[in-house]
Structure formats: C-alpha cells, structure tokens
Amino acid sequence: AQYCGFLFRHEGWPLCVHEKIVIQLAAIDWRVLKPGDFYLQVVPYLKKSPRIVLKCLAKDKHNVEEVVIPEVSYTSIFTLEWLSTFNGERMGIALENCLLTTDDKIFRVPWDKVVNPEFINKPKIIENTPQLSEALVNGVCTSPVPQECLRSDLE
C-alpha cells in the first residue's frame, strides 16, 4: 500500500534491483561472506511451499548460519525495521550488508539501499483512509500511473 501509484525505476524490486538479484535461488560460496554480510535464499521445504532463509557467516567464520524466516515476516522483510529486529534477536556481529548477484558478480550492498527503492514518479502520498481504500482493491493498487510519467521514462 505504501507504494500504490508509484512507478518503480527497477520494476523487479524487491526481488531484484536492476540486474542485481536480491533473493537467491542457489547458495553463494560461503568464502565470499564477511562478518556483517548476509543473503536471502529461497529453499525447498518438505512437500510444502518453499521458504526464505537468511544466510550469514557463522561465529566460527568457517561455516554458514542459516535462519528460516517465518512466513508471517514475509510482508515486512524489505524494511529497515525487520533487519533491526532480526539483529536484536541474535548474538554476534550485526548484519548490515546484503549480497546481491548477477550472472558473474557479487555485490555487497547496505540493506538501507536495498529496502529503499527508486521511483520514476512520486505521486502525492495518499494520506486519508477513504482514499487509500479506493486506491487498493483486494490489496492491488488501482491508482493509474500518469501517461506523462511513462512517456518521460521511455524518452
């Protein structure tokens, strides 16, 4: 709801930022991880829906710690508050950099850069609840993006 009517500069957000993948489908070589680094990966889970796990360097610095993210947290993963809460519940070095990948490179990106998407347009923020409920139908944004915003980006 907070992004209703906004046109993302990188349309794949939050799964990717431009060509950089945020949610991994395969493990990243653990030797790339440094203290404070983490990455998110989708993994199979029994015969149920896949799960999202957070992977980071273990305290021994030679293994990977894997934490299953509860499904109830999925709607808040891409916030600064989520990582802050996660860090508060664990022992050790605070996590701050998310590893993003492309076909051949790994990027260490501060979490605040991942969770703050860029927009092509920034419409006036909907402040009152009646307008918000009109803009959202069954959780789907129905506010149209102005044509001039689409044209200017194509140019």
N, C-alpha and C. Protein backbone atom coordinates (compact mmCIF):
# COMPACT_ATOMS: atom_id res chain seq x y z
N ALA A 1 0.82 -1.20 0.00
CA ALA A 1 0.00 0.00 0.00
C ALA A 1 0.86 1.26 0.00
N GLN A 2 2.01 1.22 0.67
CA GLN A 2 2.81 2.44 0.75
C GLN A 2 3.38 2.87 -0.59
N TYR A 3 3.40 1.98 -1.58
CA TYR A 3 3.94 2.32 -2.90
C TYR A 3 2.85 2.39 -3.96
N CYS A 4 1.59 2.43 -3.56
CA CYS A 4 0.48 2.48 -4.50
C CYS A 4 0.59 3.73 -5.37
N GLY A 5 0.54 3.56 -6.67
CA GLY A 5 0.63 4.68 -7.60
C GLY A 5 2.04 5.05 -7.99
N PHE A 6 3.04 4.45 -7.38
CA PHE A 6 4.43 4.75 -7.70
C PHE A 6 4.88 3.86 -8.86
N LEU A 7 5.72 4.37 -9.70
CA LEU A 7 6.28 3.58 -10.79
C LEU A 7 7.75 3.33 -10.46
N PHE A 8 8.09 2.07 -10.19
CA PHE A 8 9.45 1.71 -9.79
C PHE A 8 10.44 1.91 -10.93
N ARG A 9 11.61 2.45 -10.62
CA ARG A 9 12.67 2.58 -11.61
C ARG A 9 13.17 1.19 -12.01
N HIS A 10 13.25 0.29 -11.03
CA HIS A 10 13.67 -1.09 -11.29
C HIS A 10 12.46 -1.97 -11.02
N GLU A 11 11.76 -2.35 -12.07
CA GLU A 11 10.46 -2.99 -11.92
C GLU A 11 10.48 -4.31 -11.16
N GLY A 12 11.60 -4.94 -11.00
CA GLY A 12 11.66 -6.21 -10.30
C GLY A 12 11.79 -6.10 -8.80
N TRP A 13 11.85 -4.86 -8.27
CA TRP A 13 12.02 -4.69 -6.83
C TRP A 13 10.83 -5.29 -6.11
N PRO A 14 10.99 -6.02 -5.03
CA PRO A 14 12.18 -6.20 -4.22
C PRO A 14 12.98 -7.46 -4.55
N LEU A 15 12.55 -8.23 -5.55
CA LEU A 15 13.29 -9.46 -5.87
C LEU A 15 14.61 -9.16 -6.56
N CYS A 16 14.68 -8.05 -7.24
CA CYS A 16 15.94 -7.65 -7.86
C CYS A 16 15.99 -6.13 -7.93
N VAL A 17 17.19 -5.61 -8.00
CA VAL A 17 17.42 -4.18 -8.17
C VAL A 17 18.22 -4.05 -9.46
N HIS A 18 17.53 -3.60 -10.51
CA HIS A 18 18.08 -3.56 -11.85
C HIS A 18 18.51 -4.99 -12.21
N GLU A 19 19.78 -5.22 -12.52
CA GLU A 19 20.21 -6.58 -12.90
C GLU A 19 20.68 -7.39 -11.71
N LYS A 20 20.68 -6.80 -10.53
CA LYS A 20 21.20 -7.48 -9.32
C LYS A 20 20.07 -8.24 -8.63
N ILE A 21 20.28 -9.53 -8.39
CA ILE A 21 19.28 -10.38 -7.76
C ILE A 21 19.38 -10.27 -6.24
N VAL A 22 18.24 -10.04 -5.58
CA VAL A 22 18.19 -9.90 -4.13
C VAL A 22 17.88 -11.24 -3.47
N ILE A 23 16.88 -11.95 -3.96
CA ILE A 23 16.50 -13.25 -3.40
C ILE A 23 17.14 -14.33 -4.27
N GLN A 24 18.10 -15.04 -3.69
CA GLN A 24 18.88 -16.02 -4.44
C GLN A 24 18.12 -17.35 -4.59
N LEU A 25 18.37 -18.03 -5.68
CA LEU A 25 17.79 -19.36 -5.90
C LEU A 25 18.81 -20.46 -5.61
N ALA A 26 20.06 -20.08 -5.46
CA ALA A 26 21.12 -21.04 -5.14
C ALA A 26 22.04 -20.42 -4.09
N ALA A 27 22.77 -21.29 -3.41
CA ALA A 27 23.68 -20.82 -2.38
C ALA A 27 24.84 -20.02 -2.99
N ILE A 28 25.32 -19.06 -2.23
CA ILE A 28 26.51 -18.30 -2.60
C ILE A 28 27.69 -18.93 -1.87
N ASP A 29 28.84 -18.96 -2.50
CA ASP A 29 30.04 -19.54 -1.88
C ASP A 29 30.28 -18.87 -0.53
N TRP A 30 30.32 -19.64 0.53
CA TRP A 30 30.44 -19.11 1.90
C TRP A 30 31.72 -18.29 2.11
N ARG A 31 32.74 -18.55 1.29
CA ARG A 31 34.01 -17.83 1.45
C ARG A 31 33.90 -16.35 1.08
N VAL A 32 32.83 -15.99 0.37
CA VAL A 32 32.61 -14.59 -0.01
C VAL A 32 32.06 -13.79 1.18
N LEU A 33 31.39 -14.48 2.10
CA LEU A 33 30.77 -13.81 3.25
C LEU A 33 31.81 -13.22 4.19
N LYS A 34 31.54 -11.98 4.63
CA LYS A 34 32.36 -11.33 5.64
C LYS A 34 31.46 -11.06 6.85
N PRO A 35 32.04 -10.84 8.02
CA PRO A 35 31.20 -10.50 9.17
C PRO A 35 30.31 -9.29 8.84
N GLY A 36 29.04 -9.39 9.13
CA GLY A 36 28.09 -8.32 8.82
C GLY A 36 27.35 -8.53 7.51
N ASP A 37 27.79 -9.50 6.70
CA ASP A 37 27.14 -9.81 5.42
C ASP A 37 26.06 -10.86 5.61
N PHE A 38 25.07 -10.82 4.73
CA PHE A 38 24.05 -11.87 4.69
C PHE A 38 23.46 -11.91 3.29
N TYR A 39 22.73 -12.97 3.02
CA TYR A 39 21.94 -13.01 1.79
C TYR A 39 20.67 -13.79 2.05
N LEU A 40 19.69 -13.58 1.19
CA LEU A 40 18.41 -14.26 1.28
C LEU A 40 18.32 -15.28 0.17
N GLN A 41 17.80 -16.46 0.50
CA GLN A 41 17.70 -17.53 -0.49
C GLN A 41 16.37 -18.25 -0.32
N VAL A 42 15.78 -18.62 -1.44
CA VAL A 42 14.58 -19.46 -1.43
C VAL A 42 15.05 -20.91 -1.42
N VAL A 43 14.51 -21.70 -0.49
CA VAL A 43 14.89 -23.11 -0.39
C VAL A 43 13.65 -23.98 -0.33
N PRO A 44 13.74 -25.22 -0.84
CA PRO A 44 12.59 -26.12 -0.72
C PRO A 44 12.34 -26.47 0.74
N TYR A 45 11.08 -26.76 1.06
CA TYR A 45 10.73 -27.11 2.43
C TYR A 45 9.73 -28.27 2.41
N LEU A 46 10.26 -29.47 2.68
CA LEU A 46 9.44 -30.68 2.69
C LEU A 46 8.55 -30.71 1.46
N LYS A 47 7.26 -31.00 1.64
CA LYS A 47 6.35 -31.00 0.49
C LYS A 47 5.46 -29.77 0.52
N LYS A 48 5.92 -28.76 1.23
CA LYS A 48 5.16 -27.51 1.36
C LYS A 48 5.78 -26.44 0.47
N SER A 49 5.26 -25.23 0.60
CA SER A 49 5.79 -24.09 -0.16
C SER A 49 7.24 -23.85 0.22
N PRO A 50 8.04 -23.39 -0.73
CA PRO A 50 9.43 -23.05 -0.42
C PRO A 50 9.50 -22.00 0.68
N ARG A 51 10.63 -21.91 1.35
CA ARG A 51 10.85 -20.95 2.43
C ARG A 51 11.95 -19.99 2.05
N ILE A 52 11.95 -18.84 2.68
CA ILE A 52 13.04 -17.89 2.54
C ILE A 52 13.93 -18.05 3.75
N VAL A 53 15.23 -18.19 3.52
CA VAL A 53 16.18 -18.30 4.62
C VAL A 53 17.19 -17.16 4.51
N LEU A 54 17.67 -16.75 5.66
CA LEU A 54 18.75 -15.77 5.71
C LEU A 54 20.01 -16.56 6.00
N LYS A 55 21.06 -16.31 5.22
CA LYS A 55 22.33 -16.99 5.41
C LYS A 55 23.42 -15.96 5.69
N CYS A 56 24.23 -16.27 6.70
CA CYS A 56 25.33 -15.38 7.07
C CYS A 56 26.48 -16.23 7.60
N LEU A 57 27.60 -15.59 7.80
CA LEU A 57 28.77 -16.27 8.31
C LEU A 57 28.54 -16.67 9.76
N ALA A 58 28.83 -17.93 10.08
CA ALA A 58 28.69 -18.40 11.47
C ALA A 58 29.79 -17.79 12.33
N LYS A 59 29.62 -17.90 13.65
CA LYS A 59 30.60 -17.32 14.58
C LYS A 59 32.01 -17.86 14.35
N ASP A 60 32.11 -19.14 13.91
CA ASP A 60 33.44 -19.72 13.70
C ASP A 60 34.11 -19.22 12.41
N LYS A 61 33.38 -18.46 11.61
CA LYS A 61 33.86 -17.87 10.35
C LYS A 61 34.28 -18.89 9.30
N HIS A 62 33.85 -20.15 9.50
CA HIS A 62 34.17 -21.21 8.53
C HIS A 62 32.93 -21.96 8.08
N ASN A 63 31.78 -21.56 8.58
CA ASN A 63 30.51 -22.20 8.22
C ASN A 63 29.46 -21.13 8.00
N VAL A 64 28.32 -21.56 7.47
CA VAL A 64 27.23 -20.65 7.21
C VAL A 64 26.11 -20.92 8.22
N GLU A 65 25.64 -19.85 8.83
CA GLU A 65 24.47 -19.93 9.70
C GLU A 65 23.25 -19.72 8.82
N GLU A 66 22.24 -20.55 8.98
CA GLU A 66 21.04 -20.48 8.16
C GLU A 66 19.84 -20.31 9.08
N VAL A 67 19.07 -19.24 8.87
CA VAL A 67 17.91 -18.95 9.70
C VAL A 67 16.67 -18.91 8.81
N VAL A 68 15.69 -19.77 9.10
CA VAL A 68 14.44 -19.77 8.34
C VAL A 68 13.64 -18.54 8.76
N ILE A 69 13.19 -17.77 7.79
CA ILE A 69 12.39 -16.58 8.05
C ILE A 69 10.94 -17.04 8.18
N PRO A 70 10.27 -16.73 9.29
CA PRO A 70 8.88 -17.13 9.45
C PRO A 70 8.00 -16.49 8.36
N GLU A 71 7.06 -17.24 7.86
CA GLU A 71 6.20 -16.73 6.79
C GLU A 71 5.46 -15.46 7.19
N VAL A 72 5.13 -15.31 8.45
CA VAL A 72 4.43 -14.09 8.89
C VAL A 72 5.30 -12.85 8.72
N SER A 73 6.60 -13.02 8.56
CA SER A 73 7.52 -11.89 8.38
C SER A 73 7.70 -11.50 6.92
N TYR A 74 7.20 -12.30 6.00
CA TYR A 74 7.47 -12.04 4.59
C TYR A 74 7.03 -10.65 4.14
N THR A 75 5.95 -10.13 4.69
CA THR A 75 5.47 -8.82 4.25
C THR A 75 6.32 -7.67 4.79
N SER A 76 7.18 -7.96 5.77
CA SER A 76 7.99 -6.88 6.34
C SER A 76 9.49 -7.06 6.11
N ILE A 77 9.89 -8.09 5.36
CA ILE A 77 11.33 -8.33 5.16
C ILE A 77 12.04 -7.11 4.60
N PHE A 78 11.44 -6.45 3.64
CA PHE A 78 12.14 -5.37 2.95
C PHE A 78 11.93 -4.02 3.64
N THR A 79 12.28 -4.02 4.95
CA THR A 79 12.23 -2.80 5.75
C THR A 79 13.48 -2.74 6.63
N LEU A 80 13.84 -1.54 7.03
CA LEU A 80 14.96 -1.39 7.97
C LEU A 80 14.60 -1.98 9.32
N GLU A 81 13.33 -1.85 9.70
CA GLU A 81 12.88 -2.36 10.99
C GLU A 81 13.05 -3.87 11.08
N TRP A 82 12.78 -4.58 10.00
CA TRP A 82 12.90 -6.04 10.02
C TRP A 82 14.34 -6.45 10.35
N LEU A 83 15.31 -5.86 9.67
CA LEU A 83 16.70 -6.23 9.94
C LEU A 83 17.12 -5.80 11.34
N SER A 84 16.64 -4.67 11.78
CA SER A 84 16.95 -4.21 13.13
C SER A 84 16.41 -5.19 14.17
N THR A 85 15.19 -5.65 13.99
CA THR A 85 14.59 -6.63 14.89
C THR A 85 15.35 -7.94 14.83
N PHE A 86 15.70 -8.36 13.62
CA PHE A 86 16.45 -9.61 13.44
C PHE A 86 17.78 -9.53 14.18
N ASN A 87 18.49 -8.41 14.01
CA ASN A 87 19.78 -8.23 14.69
C ASN A 87 19.62 -8.23 16.21
N GLY A 88 18.51 -7.67 16.69
CA GLY A 88 18.27 -7.61 18.12
C GLY A 88 18.03 -8.97 18.75
N GLU A 89 17.59 -9.93 17.93
CA GLU A 89 17.26 -11.26 18.44
C GLU A 89 18.40 -12.25 18.31
N ARG A 90 19.50 -11.84 17.74
CA ARG A 90 20.61 -12.78 17.55
C ARG A 90 21.87 -12.27 18.26
N MET A 91 22.75 -13.18 18.50
CA MET A 91 24.03 -12.83 19.13
C MET A 91 25.07 -12.65 18.03
N GLY A 92 26.07 -11.86 18.28
CA GLY A 92 27.15 -11.71 17.31
C GLY A 92 27.11 -10.38 16.59
N ILE A 93 27.88 -10.29 15.53
CA ILE A 93 28.01 -9.06 14.75
C ILE A 93 26.70 -8.75 14.05
N ALA A 94 26.28 -7.49 14.11
CA ALA A 94 25.05 -7.07 13.45
C ALA A 94 25.19 -7.22 11.93
N LEU A 95 24.14 -7.69 11.31
CA LEU A 95 24.12 -7.82 9.86
C LEU A 95 23.74 -6.47 9.26
N GLU A 96 24.46 -6.07 8.19
CA GLU A 96 24.16 -4.78 7.58
C GLU A 96 24.25 -4.77 6.07
N ASN A 97 25.02 -5.69 5.47
CA ASN A 97 25.19 -5.72 4.02
C ASN A 97 24.57 -6.96 3.42
N CYS A 98 23.72 -6.76 2.41
CA CYS A 98 23.09 -7.88 1.72
C CYS A 98 23.89 -8.17 0.45
N LEU A 99 24.16 -9.43 0.19
CA LEU A 99 24.88 -9.80 -1.03
C LEU A 99 23.86 -9.96 -2.15
N LEU A 100 24.08 -9.24 -3.24
CA LEU A 100 23.26 -9.32 -4.44
C LEU A 100 24.12 -9.90 -5.54
N THR A 101 23.51 -10.61 -6.47
CA THR A 101 24.30 -11.25 -7.52
C THR A 101 23.81 -10.89 -8.91
N THR A 102 24.72 -11.03 -9.86
CA THR A 102 24.39 -11.02 -11.28
C THR A 102 24.94 -12.34 -11.80
N ASP A 103 24.98 -12.52 -13.09
CA ASP A 103 25.49 -13.78 -13.64
C ASP A 103 26.90 -14.10 -13.18
N ASP A 104 27.74 -13.08 -13.07
CA ASP A 104 29.15 -13.36 -12.78
C ASP A 104 29.75 -12.53 -11.65
N LYS A 105 28.94 -11.73 -10.97
CA LYS A 105 29.48 -10.88 -9.92
C LYS A 105 28.62 -10.93 -8.65
N ILE A 106 29.25 -10.60 -7.53
CA ILE A 106 28.56 -10.49 -6.26
C ILE A 106 28.78 -9.07 -5.76
N PHE A 107 27.70 -8.43 -5.31
CA PHE A 107 27.75 -7.06 -4.83
C PHE A 107 27.37 -7.02 -3.36
N ARG A 108 28.14 -6.32 -2.57
CA ARG A 108 27.88 -6.12 -1.13
C ARG A 108 27.16 -4.77 -1.02
N VAL A 109 25.86 -4.80 -0.71
CA VAL A 109 25.04 -3.59 -0.71
C VAL A 109 24.45 -3.35 0.68
N PRO A 110 24.61 -2.14 1.23
CA PRO A 110 23.99 -1.86 2.53
C PRO A 110 22.47 -2.09 2.44
N TRP A 111 21.91 -2.68 3.49
CA TRP A 111 20.48 -3.04 3.49
C TRP A 111 19.60 -1.81 3.25
N ASP A 112 19.99 -0.64 3.76
CA ASP A 112 19.15 0.54 3.57
C ASP A 112 19.06 0.93 2.09
N LYS A 113 20.04 0.55 1.28
CA LYS A 113 19.98 0.81 -0.16
C LYS A 113 19.06 -0.18 -0.86
N VAL A 114 18.96 -1.40 -0.33
CA VAL A 114 18.10 -2.43 -0.92
C VAL A 114 16.63 -2.13 -0.64
N VAL A 115 16.32 -1.72 0.60
CA VAL A 115 14.93 -1.56 1.01
C VAL A 115 14.32 -0.21 0.63
N ASN A 116 15.10 0.69 0.09
CA ASN A 116 14.58 1.99 -0.35
C ASN A 116 14.61 2.06 -1.86
N PRO A 117 13.54 1.61 -2.51
CA PRO A 117 13.53 1.57 -3.98
C PRO A 117 13.52 2.96 -4.59
N GLU A 118 13.97 3.02 -5.84
CA GLU A 118 13.94 4.28 -6.59
C GLU A 118 12.66 4.27 -7.43
N PHE A 119 12.14 5.47 -7.67
CA PHE A 119 10.91 5.60 -8.43
C PHE A 119 11.11 6.52 -9.63
N ILE A 120 10.33 6.26 -10.67
CA ILE A 120 10.33 7.14 -11.84
C ILE A 120 9.47 8.35 -11.52
N ASN A 121 8.35 8.11 -10.85
CA ASN A 121 7.48 9.20 -10.43
C ASN A 121 7.16 9.02 -8.96
N LYS A 122 6.86 10.11 -8.30
CA LYS A 122 6.45 10.06 -6.90
C LYS A 122 5.14 10.83 -6.79
N PRO A 123 4.00 10.12 -6.91
CA PRO A 123 2.73 10.83 -6.81
C PRO A 123 2.50 11.32 -5.39
N LYS A 124 1.54 12.21 -5.27
CA LYS A 124 1.19 12.75 -3.95
C LYS A 124 0.80 11.58 -3.05
N ILE A 125 1.34 11.57 -1.84
CA ILE A 125 1.08 10.48 -0.90
C ILE A 125 -0.38 10.54 -0.46
N ILE A 126 -1.03 9.37 -0.50
CA ILE A 126 -2.42 9.25 -0.07
C ILE A 126 -2.43 9.27 1.45
N GLU A 127 -3.07 10.29 2.03
CA GLU A 127 -2.99 10.44 3.47
C GLU A 127 -4.19 9.92 4.23
N ASN A 128 -5.40 10.00 3.66
CA ASN A 128 -6.53 9.55 4.47
C ASN A 128 -7.03 8.18 4.04
N THR A 129 -7.65 7.48 4.96
CA THR A 129 -8.04 6.09 4.75
C THR A 129 -9.04 5.90 3.62
N PRO A 130 -10.08 6.77 3.45
CA PRO A 130 -11.03 6.53 2.34
C PRO A 130 -10.33 6.51 0.99
N GLN A 131 -9.36 7.46 0.80
CA GLN A 131 -8.65 7.47 -0.48
C GLN A 131 -7.79 6.21 -0.63
N LEU A 132 -7.18 5.77 0.46
CA LEU A 132 -6.34 4.58 0.41
C LEU A 132 -7.18 3.37 0.04
N SER A 133 -8.37 3.23 0.64
CA SER A 133 -9.19 2.07 0.33
C SER A 133 -9.71 2.12 -1.11
N GLU A 134 -9.92 3.34 -1.65
CA GLU A 134 -10.31 3.45 -3.05
C GLU A 134 -9.16 3.07 -3.97
N ALA A 135 -7.94 3.37 -3.55
CA ALA A 135 -6.77 3.08 -4.38
C ALA A 135 -6.40 1.61 -4.34
N LEU A 136 -6.80 0.90 -3.28
CA LEU A 136 -6.49 -0.51 -3.13
C LEU A 136 -7.76 -1.34 -3.22
N VAL A 137 -7.79 -2.30 -4.12
CA VAL A 137 -8.89 -3.23 -4.22
C VAL A 137 -8.32 -4.62 -4.06
N ASN A 138 -8.71 -5.31 -3.00
CA ASN A 138 -8.17 -6.63 -2.69
C ASN A 138 -6.65 -6.61 -2.63
N GLY A 139 -6.08 -5.54 -2.09
CA GLY A 139 -4.63 -5.45 -1.93
C GLY A 139 -3.89 -5.08 -3.19
N VAL A 140 -4.61 -4.83 -4.29
CA VAL A 140 -3.97 -4.47 -5.56
C VAL A 140 -4.18 -2.99 -5.80
N CYS A 141 -3.11 -2.33 -6.17
CA CYS A 141 -3.15 -0.89 -6.42
C CYS A 141 -3.94 -0.62 -7.69
N THR A 142 -4.93 0.27 -7.60
CA THR A 142 -5.74 0.60 -8.77
C THR A 142 -5.52 2.03 -9.24
N SER A 143 -4.62 2.75 -8.56
CA SER A 143 -4.34 4.13 -8.98
C SER A 143 -3.54 4.11 -10.28
N PRO A 144 -4.04 4.77 -11.32
CA PRO A 144 -3.30 4.76 -12.58
C PRO A 144 -2.03 5.60 -12.50
N VAL A 145 -1.05 5.19 -13.27
CA VAL A 145 0.20 5.96 -13.38
C VAL A 145 -0.01 6.94 -14.53
N PRO A 146 0.22 8.23 -14.29
CA PRO A 146 0.03 9.23 -15.34
C PRO A 146 0.85 8.91 -16.59
N GLN A 147 0.23 9.10 -17.76
CA GLN A 147 0.89 8.79 -19.03
C GLN A 147 2.17 9.59 -19.22
N GLU A 148 2.20 10.84 -18.74
CA GLU A 148 3.41 11.65 -18.92
C GLU A 148 4.61 11.03 -18.21
N CYS A 149 4.36 10.31 -17.08
CA CYS A 149 5.45 9.65 -16.38
C CYS A 149 6.00 8.50 -17.21
N LEU A 150 5.09 7.77 -17.86
CA LEU A 150 5.53 6.65 -18.68
C LEU A 150 6.32 7.15 -19.88
N ARG A 151 5.82 8.21 -20.54
CA ARG A 151 6.49 8.75 -21.70
C ARG A 151 7.87 9.29 -21.36
N SER A 152 7.97 10.04 -20.26
CA SER A 152 9.26 10.65 -19.93
C SER A 152 10.32 9.60 -19.64
N ASP A 153 9.92 8.47 -19.08
CA ASP A 153 10.90 7.43 -18.80
C ASP A 153 11.37 6.76 -20.09
N LEU A 154 10.44 6.58 -21.05
CA LEU A 154 10.81 5.95 -22.30
C LEU A 154 11.77 6.83 -23.09
N GLU A 155 11.60 8.13 -22.98
CA GLU A 155 12.49 9.05 -23.69
C GLU A 155 13.90 8.95 -23.12
